[in-house]
Every structure is written in C-alpha cells, then in structure tokens.
Amino acid sequence: LLDVNSTKSVVASRNQMCWENLQQ
C-alpha cells in the first residue's frame, strides 16, 4: 500500500511539474 501510494505521489508530482512548466 505504501509503495502504491508512493508511486501515485511521484506520478502526481511529475504531472504537476509538467503542467506548470507547460503553462509557463
């Protein structure tokens, strides 16, 4: 469960970074 949550967190963080860089 911790690994799944960690993976989701990494994916969400990367998606957030991509979105912000694209917006900028």
PDB file of all heavy atoms in Angstrom:
ATOM      1  N   LEU A   1       0.837  -1.202   0.000  1.00  0.00           N
ATOM      2  CA  LEU A   1       0.000   0.000   0.000  1.00  0.00           C
ATOM      3  C   LEU A   1       0.869   1.248   0.000  1.00  0.00           C
ATOM      4  O   LEU A   1       0.580   2.222  -0.711  1.00  0.00           O
ATOM      5  CB  LEU A   1      -0.917  -0.016   1.233  1.00  0.00           C
ATOM      6  CG  LEU A   1      -1.960   1.108   1.323  1.00  0.00           C
ATOM      7  CD1 LEU A   1      -2.938   1.025   0.161  1.00  0.00           C
ATOM      8  CD2 LEU A   1      -2.714   1.016   2.650  1.00  0.00           C
ATOM      9  N   LEU A   2       1.947   1.210   0.778  1.00  0.00           N
ATOM     10  CA  LEU A   2       2.863   2.342   0.837  1.00  0.00           C
ATOM     11  C   LEU A   2       3.533   2.560  -0.510  1.00  0.00           C
ATOM     12  O   LEU A   2       3.698   3.697  -0.963  1.00  0.00           O
ATOM     13  CB  LEU A   2       3.919   2.096   1.916  1.00  0.00           C
ATOM     14  CG  LEU A   2       4.971   3.200   2.111  1.00  0.00           C
ATOM     15  CD1 LEU A   2       4.306   4.489   2.567  1.00  0.00           C
ATOM     16  CD2 LEU A   2       6.014   2.756   3.126  1.00  0.00           C
ATOM     17  N   ASP A   3       3.911   1.462  -1.181  1.00  0.00           N
ATOM     18  CA  ASP A   3       4.564   1.564  -2.488  1.00  0.00           C
ATOM     19  C   ASP A   3       3.612   2.141  -3.524  1.00  0.00           C
ATOM     20  O   ASP A   3       3.999   2.984  -4.337  1.00  0.00           O
ATOM     21  CB  ASP A   3       5.055   0.182  -2.919  1.00  0.00           C
ATOM     22  CG  ASP A   3       5.790   0.241  -4.249  1.00  0.00           C
ATOM     23  OD1 ASP A   3       6.851   0.863  -4.305  1.00  0.00           O
ATOM     24  OD2 ASP A   3       5.284  -0.333  -5.229  1.00  0.00           O
ATOM     25  N   VAL A   4       2.360   1.694  -3.496  1.00  0.00           N
ATOM     26  CA  VAL A   4       1.359   2.203  -4.440  1.00  0.00           C
ATOM     27  C   VAL A   4       1.123   3.691  -4.214  1.00  0.00           C
ATOM     28  O   VAL A   4       1.091   4.494  -5.156  1.00  0.00           O
ATOM     29  CB  VAL A   4       0.037   1.421  -4.305  1.00  0.00           C
ATOM     30  CG1 VAL A   4      -1.070   2.099  -5.102  1.00  0.00           C
ATOM     31  CG2 VAL A   4       0.226  -0.015  -4.780  1.00  0.00           C
ATOM     32  N   ASN A   5       0.976   4.076  -2.942  1.00  0.00           N
ATOM     33  CA  ASN A   5       0.755   5.485  -2.630  1.00  0.00           C
ATOM     34  C   ASN A   5       1.956   6.333  -3.021  1.00  0.00           C
ATOM     35  O   ASN A   5       1.825   7.457  -3.491  1.00  0.00           O
ATOM     36  CB  ASN A   5       0.449   5.653  -1.138  1.00  0.00           C
ATOM     37  CG  ASN A   5      -0.905   5.093  -0.755  1.00  0.00           C
ATOM     38  OD1 ASN A   5      -1.795   4.998  -1.609  1.00  0.00           O
ATOM     39  ND2 ASN A   5      -1.074   4.717   0.490  1.00  0.00           N
ATOM     40  N   SER A   6       3.155   5.757  -2.786  1.00  0.00           N
ATOM     41  CA  SER A   6       4.367   6.481  -3.153  1.00  0.00           C
ATOM     42  C   SER A   6       4.446   6.681  -4.660  1.00  0.00           C
ATOM     43  O   SER A   6       4.812   7.756  -5.144  1.00  0.00           O
ATOM     44  CB  SER A   6       5.596   5.725  -2.646  1.00  0.00           C
ATOM     45  OG  SER A   6       6.782   6.352  -3.055  1.00  0.00           O
ATOM     46  N   THR A   7       4.105   5.629  -5.419  1.00  0.00           N
ATOM     47  CA  THR A   7       4.117   5.726  -6.879  1.00  0.00           C
ATOM     48  C   THR A   7       3.112   6.755  -7.362  1.00  0.00           C
ATOM     49  O   THR A   7       3.404   7.570  -8.251  1.00  0.00           O
ATOM     50  CB  THR A   7       3.805   4.351  -7.512  1.00  0.00           C
ATOM     51  OG1 THR A   7       4.767   3.401  -7.056  1.00  0.00           O
ATOM     52  CG2 THR A   7       3.839   4.446  -9.033  1.00  0.00           C
ATOM     53  N   LYS A   8       1.927   6.740  -6.775  1.00  0.00           N
ATOM     54  CA  LYS A   8       0.910   7.722  -7.146  1.00  0.00           C
ATOM     55  C   LYS A   8       1.379   9.131  -6.832  1.00  0.00           C
ATOM     56  O   LYS A   8       1.134  10.067  -7.596  1.00  0.00           O
ATOM     57  CB  LYS A   8      -0.399   7.423  -6.404  1.00  0.00           C
ATOM     58  CG  LYS A   8      -1.127   6.183  -6.886  1.00  0.00           C
ATOM     59  CD  LYS A   8      -2.431   5.985  -6.129  1.00  0.00           C
ATOM     60  CE  LYS A   8      -3.188   4.757  -6.622  1.00  0.00           C
ATOM     61  NZ  LYS A   8      -4.458   4.562  -5.869  1.00  0.00           N
ATOM     62  N   SER A   9       2.058   9.280  -5.718  1.00  0.00           N
ATOM     63  CA  SER A   9       2.552  10.599  -5.319  1.00  0.00           C
ATOM     64  C   SER A   9       3.601  11.103  -6.301  1.00  0.00           C
ATOM     65  O   SER A   9       3.613  12.282  -6.677  1.00  0.00           O
ATOM     66  CB  SER A   9       3.139  10.532  -3.907  1.00  0.00           C
ATOM     67  OG  SER A   9       3.679  11.774  -3.523  1.00  0.00           O
ATOM     68  N   VAL A  10       4.503  10.204  -6.727  1.00  0.00           N
ATOM     69  CA  VAL A  10       5.540  10.588  -7.689  1.00  0.00           C
ATOM     70  C   VAL A  10       4.922  10.984  -9.021  1.00  0.00           C
ATOM     71  O   VAL A  10       5.295  11.990  -9.635  1.00  0.00           O
ATOM     72  CB  VAL A  10       6.544   9.433  -7.879  1.00  0.00           C
ATOM     73  CG1 VAL A  10       7.481   9.730  -9.043  1.00  0.00           C
ATOM     74  CG2 VAL A  10       7.336   9.207  -6.600  1.00  0.00           C
ATOM     75  N   VAL A  11       3.957  10.189  -9.490  1.00  0.00           N
ATOM     76  CA  VAL A  11       3.284  10.478 -10.756  1.00  0.00           C
ATOM     77  C   VAL A  11       2.541  11.808 -10.672  1.00  0.00           C
ATOM     78  O   VAL A  11       2.602  12.633 -11.594  1.00  0.00           O
ATOM     79  CB  VAL A  11       2.316   9.342 -11.127  1.00  0.00           C
ATOM     80  CG1 VAL A  11       1.472   9.733 -12.336  1.00  0.00           C
ATOM     81  CG2 VAL A  11       3.078   8.059 -11.403  1.00  0.00           C
ATOM     82  N   ALA A  12       1.839  12.036  -9.554  1.00  0.00           N
ATOM     83  CA  ALA A  12       1.100  13.283  -9.379  1.00  0.00           C
ATOM     84  C   ALA A  12       2.040  14.482  -9.336  1.00  0.00           C
ATOM     85  O   ALA A  12       1.764  15.531  -9.915  1.00  0.00           O
ATOM     86  CB  ALA A  12       0.260  13.224  -8.103  1.00  0.00           C
ATOM     87  N   SER A  13       3.177  14.314  -8.651  1.00  0.00           N
ATOM     88  CA  SER A  13       4.158  15.393  -8.559  1.00  0.00           C
ATOM     89  C   SER A  13       4.747  15.712  -9.927  1.00  0.00           C
ATOM     90  O   SER A  13       4.907  16.891 -10.281  1.00  0.00           O
ATOM     91  CB  SER A  13       5.260  15.000  -7.585  1.00  0.00           C
ATOM     92  OG  SER A  13       6.261  15.992  -7.530  1.00  0.00           O
ATOM     93  N   ARG A  14       5.071  14.676 -10.703  1.00  0.00           N
ATOM     94  CA  ARG A  14       5.621  14.899 -12.035  1.00  0.00           C
ATOM     95  C   ARG A  14       4.598  15.533 -12.953  1.00  0.00           C
ATOM     96  O   ARG A  14       4.915  16.430 -13.742  1.00  0.00           O
ATOM     97  CB  ARG A  14       6.109  13.573 -12.618  1.00  0.00           C
ATOM     98  CG  ARG A  14       6.704  13.690 -14.022  1.00  0.00           C
ATOM     99  CD  ARG A  14       7.266  12.366 -14.492  1.00  0.00           C
ATOM    100  NE  ARG A  14       8.367  11.950 -13.636  1.00  0.00           N
ATOM    101  CZ  ARG A  14       8.969  10.776 -13.764  1.00  0.00           C
ATOM    102  NH1 ARG A  14       8.553   9.905 -14.679  1.00  0.00           N
ATOM    103  NH2 ARG A  14       9.972  10.464 -12.970  1.00  0.00           N
ATOM    104  N   ASN A  15       3.352  15.099 -12.843  1.00  0.00           N
ATOM    105  CA  ASN A  15       2.289  15.676 -13.657  1.00  0.00           C
ATOM    106  C   ASN A  15       2.091  17.146 -13.323  1.00  0.00           C
ATOM    107  O   ASN A  15       1.881  17.981 -14.210  1.00  0.00           O
ATOM    108  CB  ASN A  15       0.985  14.899 -13.436  1.00  0.00           C
ATOM    109  CG  ASN A  15      -0.134  15.376 -14.346  1.00  0.00           C
ATOM    110  OD1 ASN A  15      -0.021  15.298 -15.567  1.00  0.00           O
ATOM    111  ND2 ASN A  15      -1.213  15.875 -13.759  1.00  0.00           N
ATOM    112  N   GLN A  16       2.171  17.468 -12.015  1.00  0.00           N
ATOM    113  CA  GLN A  16       2.047  18.850 -11.573  1.00  0.00           C
ATOM    114  C   GLN A  16       3.182  19.699 -12.151  1.00  0.00           C
ATOM    115  O   GLN A  16       2.963  20.815 -12.643  1.00  0.00           O
ATOM    116  CB  GLN A  16       2.080  18.908 -10.036  1.00  0.00           C
ATOM    117  CG  GLN A  16       2.055  20.323  -9.447  1.00  0.00           C
ATOM    118  CD  GLN A  16       0.692  20.962  -9.543  1.00  0.00           C
ATOM    119  OE1 GLN A  16      -0.330  20.265  -9.622  1.00  0.00           O
ATOM    120  NE2 GLN A  16       0.656  22.275  -9.526  1.00  0.00           N
ATOM    121  N   MET A  17       4.400  19.169 -12.115  1.00  0.00           N
ATOM    122  CA  MET A  17       5.560  19.893 -12.644  1.00  0.00           C
ATOM    123  C   MET A  17       5.444  20.106 -14.149  1.00  0.00           C
ATOM    124  O   MET A  17       5.731  21.199 -14.654  1.00  0.00           O
ATOM    125  CB  MET A  17       6.840  19.135 -12.317  1.00  0.00           C
ATOM    126  CG  MET A  17       8.112  19.865 -12.731  1.00  0.00           C
ATOM    127  SD  MET A  17       9.600  18.892 -12.362  1.00  0.00           S
ATOM    128  CE  MET A  17       9.432  18.714 -10.580  1.00  0.00           C
ATOM    129  N   CYS A  18       5.016  19.068 -14.865  1.00  0.00           N
ATOM    130  CA  CYS A  18       4.846  19.190 -16.312  1.00  0.00           C
ATOM    131  C   CYS A  18       3.808  20.244 -16.659  1.00  0.00           C
ATOM    132  O   CYS A  18       4.003  21.056 -17.579  1.00  0.00           O
ATOM    133  CB  CYS A  18       4.446  17.843 -16.912  1.00  0.00           C
ATOM    134  SG  CYS A  18       5.743  16.590 -16.867  1.00  0.00           S
ATOM    135  N   TRP A  19       2.714  20.211 -15.918  1.00  0.00           N
ATOM    136  CA  TRP A  19       1.630  21.168 -16.167  1.00  0.00           C
ATOM    137  C   TRP A  19       2.113  22.595 -15.933  1.00  0.00           C
ATOM    138  O   TRP A  19       1.862  23.491 -16.748  1.00  0.00           O
ATOM    139  CB  TRP A  19       0.442  20.854 -15.276  1.00  0.00           C
ATOM    140  CG  TRP A  19      -0.704  21.807 -15.434  1.00  0.00           C
ATOM    141  CD1 TRP A  19      -0.926  22.965 -14.747  1.00  0.00           C
ATOM    142  CD2 TRP A  19      -1.790  21.691 -16.359  1.00  0.00           C
ATOM    143  NE1 TRP A  19      -2.068  23.573 -15.184  1.00  0.00           N
ATOM    144  CE2 TRP A  19      -2.621  22.819 -16.166  1.00  0.00           C
ATOM    145  CE3 TRP A  19      -2.137  20.748 -17.322  1.00  0.00           C
ATOM    146  CZ2 TRP A  19      -3.771  23.014 -16.902  1.00  0.00           C
ATOM    147  CZ3 TRP A  19      -3.298  20.949 -18.068  1.00  0.00           C
ATOM    148  CH2 TRP A  19      -4.098  22.069 -17.853  1.00  0.00           C
ATOM    149  N   GLU A  20       2.800  22.830 -14.842  1.00  0.00           N
ATOM    150  CA  GLU A  20       3.285  24.167 -14.517  1.00  0.00           C
ATOM    151  C   GLU A  20       4.299  24.650 -15.546  1.00  0.00           C
ATOM    152  O   GLU A  20       4.264  25.814 -15.962  1.00  0.00           O
ATOM    153  CB  GLU A  20       3.902  24.176 -13.118  1.00  0.00           C
ATOM    154  CG  GLU A  20       2.882  23.981 -12.001  1.00  0.00           C
ATOM    155  CD  GLU A  20       3.527  23.893 -10.636  1.00  0.00           C
ATOM    156  OE1 GLU A  20       4.783  23.886 -10.569  1.00  0.00           O
ATOM    157  OE2 GLU A  20       2.792  23.846  -9.628  1.00  0.00           O
ATOM    158  N   ASN A  21       5.215  23.763 -15.963  1.00  0.00           N
ATOM    159  CA  ASN A  21       6.204  24.154 -16.975  1.00  0.00           C
ATOM    160  C   ASN A  21       5.549  24.446 -18.317  1.00  0.00           C
ATOM    161  O   ASN A  21       5.965  25.368 -19.036  1.00  0.00           O
ATOM    162  CB  ASN A  21       7.253  23.052 -17.133  1.00  0.00           C
ATOM    163  CG  ASN A  21       8.204  22.973 -15.964  1.00  0.00           C
ATOM    164  OD1 ASN A  21       8.383  23.943 -15.228  1.00  0.00           O
ATOM    165  ND2 ASN A  21       8.810  21.813 -15.757  1.00  0.00           N
ATOM    166  N   LEU A  22       4.536  23.669 -18.668  1.00  0.00           N
ATOM    167  CA  LEU A  22       3.829  23.913 -19.926  1.00  0.00           C
ATOM    168  C   LEU A  22       3.076  25.231 -19.868  1.00  0.00           C
ATOM    169  O   LEU A  22       3.084  26.010 -20.830  1.00  0.00           O
ATOM    170  CB  LEU A  22       2.864  22.757 -20.216  1.00  0.00           C
ATOM    171  CG  LEU A  22       2.014  22.907 -21.487  1.00  0.00           C
ATOM    172  CD1 LEU A  22       2.897  23.061 -22.713  1.00  0.00           C
ATOM    173  CD2 LEU A  22       1.084  21.700 -21.653  1.00  0.00           C
ATOM    174  N   GLN A  23       2.420  25.495 -18.743  1.00  0.00           N
ATOM    175  CA  GLN A  23       1.698  26.759 -18.580  1.00  0.00           C
ATOM    176  C   GLN A  23       2.658  27.940 -18.681  1.00  0.00           C
ATOM    177  O   GLN A  23       2.363  28.955 -19.334  1.00  0.00           O
ATOM    178  CB  GLN A  23       0.996  26.780 -17.215  1.00  0.00           C
ATOM    179  CG  GLN A  23      -0.217  25.874 -17.131  1.00  0.00           C
ATOM    180  CD  GLN A  23      -1.401  26.444 -17.878  1.00  0.00           C
ATOM    181  OE1 GLN A  23      -1.556  26.252 -19.089  1.00  0.00           O
ATOM    182  NE2 GLN A  23      -2.247  27.161 -17.172  1.00  0.00           N
ATOM    183  N   GLN A  24       3.795  27.822 -18.043  1.00  0.00           N
ATOM    184  CA  GLN A  24       4.780  28.899 -18.071  1.00  0.00           C
ATOM    185  C   GLN A  24       5.315  29.131 -19.479  1.00  0.00           C
ATOM    186  O   GLN A  24       5.436  30.275 -19.933  1.00  0.00           O
ATOM    187  CB  GLN A  24       5.939  28.573 -17.122  1.00  0.00           C
ATOM    188  CG  GLN A  24       6.990  29.676 -17.041  1.00  0.00           C
ATOM    189  CD  GLN A  24       8.137  29.307 -16.118  1.00  0.00           C
ATOM    190  OE1 GLN A  24       8.180  28.199 -15.576  1.00  0.00           O
ATOM    191  NE2 GLN A  24       9.056  30.214 -15.923  1.00  0.00           N
TER     192      GLN A  24
END
